[in-house]
Amino acid sequence: MPRLRLSCVRTAARRITQAYDVALAGTGLRATQFSLLVTTHHLGTPTIEETGPNAGLRSHHITRNVQGLIKRRRSRFPGRDGANAK
């Protein structure tokens, strides 16, 4: 993909994410966390390791977002990374 097109795609992606962040501002969620909540809703009660590939991300990329969701008790992730989290 030519650099100019890639730059346009990145700019568009940032603007879309910013629009979601504005829309979600009252919930305390960021767009990335919302996306993870939707993914976990569709998967049931997945482990962090199952969530990553289904969200199109590697497990280590979602850990920070998942930990924030667990702390706010918005989601559960059984297994070693989220054991007994409610």
C-alpha atoms as a PDB file:
ATOM      1  CA  MET A   1       0.000   0.000   0.000  1.00  0.00           C
ATOM      2  CA  PRO A   2       1.477   3.381  -0.927  1.00  0.00           C
ATOM      3  CA  ARG A   3       2.543   5.577   1.988  1.00  0.00           C
ATOM      4  CA  LEU A   4      -0.075   8.229   1.261  1.00  0.00           C
ATOM      5  CA  ARG A   5      -2.915   5.700   1.411  1.00  0.00           C
ATOM      6  CA  LEU A   6      -1.500   4.148   4.563  1.00  0.00           C
ATOM      7  CA  SER A   7      -1.301   7.588   6.151  1.00  0.00           C
ATOM      8  CA  CYS A   8      -4.935   8.264   5.215  1.00  0.00           C
ATOM      9  CA  VAL A   9      -6.041   4.931   6.676  1.00  0.00           C
ATOM     10  CA  ARG A  10      -4.192   5.628   9.931  1.00  0.00           C
ATOM     11  CA  THR A  11      -5.701   9.110  10.153  1.00  0.00           C
ATOM     12  CA  ALA A  12      -9.184   7.739   9.546  1.00  0.00           C
ATOM     13  CA  ALA A  13      -8.681   5.020  12.177  1.00  0.00           C
ATOM     14  CA  ARG A  14      -7.551   7.604  14.752  1.00  0.00           C
ATOM     15  CA  ARG A  15     -10.579   9.793  14.011  1.00  0.00           C
ATOM     16  CA  ILE A  16     -12.964   6.872  14.337  1.00  0.00           C
ATOM     17  CA  THR A  17     -11.369   5.874  17.641  1.00  0.00           C
ATOM     18  CA  GLN A  18     -11.588   9.465  18.878  1.00  0.00           C
ATOM     19  CA  ALA A  19     -15.289   9.603  17.934  1.00  0.00           C
ATOM     20  CA  TYR A  20     -15.951   6.402  19.889  1.00  0.00           C
ATOM     21  CA  ASP A  21     -13.968   7.749  22.848  1.00  0.00           C
ATOM     22  CA  VAL A  22     -16.101  10.903  22.866  1.00  0.00           C
ATOM     23  CA  ALA A  23     -19.323   8.883  22.624  1.00  0.00           C
ATOM     24  CA  LEU A  24     -18.189   6.578  25.450  1.00  0.00           C
ATOM     25  CA  ALA A  25     -16.841   9.358  27.697  1.00  0.00           C
ATOM     26  CA  GLY A  26     -19.756   9.166  30.139  1.00  0.00           C
ATOM     27  CA  THR A  27     -19.251   5.434  30.654  1.00  0.00           C
ATOM     28  CA  GLY A  28     -15.619   5.617  31.713  1.00  0.00           C
ATOM     29  CA  LEU A  29     -14.654   3.260  28.885  1.00  0.00           C
ATOM     30  CA  ARG A  30     -12.262   3.794  26.001  1.00  0.00           C
ATOM     31  CA  ALA A  31     -13.021   2.476  22.515  1.00  0.00           C
ATOM     32  CA  THR A  32     -10.520  -0.364  22.951  1.00  0.00           C
ATOM     33  CA  GLN A  33     -12.194  -1.487  26.171  1.00  0.00           C
ATOM     34  CA  PHE A  34     -15.640  -1.310  24.561  1.00  0.00           C
ATOM     35  CA  SER A  35     -14.400  -3.498  21.729  1.00  0.00           C
ATOM     36  CA  LEU A  36     -13.097  -6.047  24.251  1.00  0.00           C
ATOM     37  CA  LEU A  37     -16.430  -6.043  26.100  1.00  0.00           C
ATOM     38  CA  VAL A  38     -18.284  -6.758  22.859  1.00  0.00           C
ATOM     39  CA  THR A  39     -15.864  -9.569  22.046  1.00  0.00           C
ATOM     40  CA  THR A  40     -16.198 -11.146  25.491  1.00  0.00           C
ATOM     41  CA  HIS A  41     -19.986 -10.828  25.323  1.00  0.00           C
ATOM     42  CA  HIS A  42     -20.023 -12.851  22.105  1.00  0.00           C
ATOM     43  CA  LEU A  43     -17.547 -15.426  23.455  1.00  0.00           C
ATOM     44  CA  GLY A  44     -19.283 -15.943  26.803  1.00  0.00           C
ATOM     45  CA  THR A  45     -16.661 -16.119  29.532  1.00  0.00           C
ATOM     46  CA  PRO A  46     -13.357 -16.422  27.674  1.00  0.00           C
ATOM     47  CA  THR A  47      -9.879 -16.461  29.132  1.00  0.00           C
ATOM     48  CA  ILE A  48      -7.551 -13.613  28.230  1.00  0.00           C
ATOM     49  CA  GLU A  49      -5.701 -16.017  25.943  1.00  0.00           C
ATOM     50  CA  GLU A  50      -8.949 -16.763  24.061  1.00  0.00           C
ATOM     51  CA  THR A  51      -9.964 -13.113  23.882  1.00  0.00           C
ATOM     52  CA  GLY A  52      -6.833 -11.844  22.148  1.00  0.00           C
ATOM     53  CA  PRO A  53      -7.097 -13.801  18.899  1.00  0.00           C
ATOM     54  CA  ASN A  54     -10.861 -13.269  18.728  1.00  0.00           C
ATOM     55  CA  ALA A  55     -10.370  -9.513  19.109  1.00  0.00           C
ATOM     56  CA  GLY A  56      -7.623  -9.564  16.483  1.00  0.00           C
ATOM     57  CA  LEU A  57      -4.946  -8.806  19.088  1.00  0.00           C
ATOM     58  CA  ARG A  58      -2.165 -10.659  20.844  1.00  0.00           C
ATOM     59  CA  SER A  59      -2.763 -11.450  24.498  1.00  0.00           C
ATOM     60  CA  HIS A  60      -0.020  -9.126  25.735  1.00  0.00           C
ATOM     61  CA  HIS A  61      -1.611  -6.193  23.859  1.00  0.00           C
ATOM     62  CA  ILE A  62      -4.912  -6.495  25.682  1.00  0.00           C
ATOM     63  CA  THR A  63      -3.659  -7.074  29.221  1.00  0.00           C
ATOM     64  CA  ARG A  64      -3.766  -3.392  30.252  1.00  0.00           C
ATOM     65  CA  ASN A  65      -7.304  -2.928  28.945  1.00  0.00           C
ATOM     66  CA  VAL A  66      -8.497  -6.170  30.491  1.00  0.00           C
ATOM     67  CA  GLN A  67      -7.024  -5.296  33.883  1.00  0.00           C
ATOM     68  CA  GLY A  68      -8.931  -1.997  33.819  1.00  0.00           C
ATOM     69  CA  LEU A  69     -12.183  -3.811  33.025  1.00  0.00           C
ATOM     70  CA  ILE A  70     -11.604  -6.330  35.813  1.00  0.00           C
ATOM     71  CA  LYS A  71     -10.861  -3.558  38.326  1.00  0.00           C
ATOM     72  CA  ARG A  72     -14.095  -1.800  37.395  1.00  0.00           C
ATOM     73  CA  ARG A  73     -15.890  -5.159  37.538  1.00  0.00           C
ATOM     74  CA  ARG A  74     -17.149  -4.803  33.999  1.00  0.00           C
ATOM     75  CA  SER A  75     -15.917  -8.201  32.895  1.00  0.00           C
ATOM     76  CA  ARG A  76     -14.583 -11.541  34.102  1.00  0.00           C
ATOM     77  CA  PHE A  77     -11.648 -13.443  32.742  1.00  0.00           C
ATOM     78  CA  PRO A  78     -11.138 -16.895  34.237  1.00  0.00           C
ATOM     79  CA  GLY A  79      -7.777 -18.591  34.153  1.00  0.00           C
ATOM     80  CA  ARG A  80      -4.320 -17.574  35.207  1.00  0.00           C
ATOM     81  CA  ASP A  81      -4.539 -13.879  34.211  1.00  0.00           C
ATOM     82  CA  GLY A  82      -7.915 -13.165  35.698  1.00  0.00           C
ATOM     83  CA  ALA A  83      -8.393 -15.914  38.254  1.00  0.00           C
ATOM     84  CA  ASN A  84     -11.362 -15.301  40.519  1.00  0.00           C
ATOM     85  CA  ALA A  85     -11.898 -11.797  39.135  1.00  0.00           C
ATOM     86  CA  LYS A  86     -15.489 -10.681  39.296  1.00  0.00           C
END
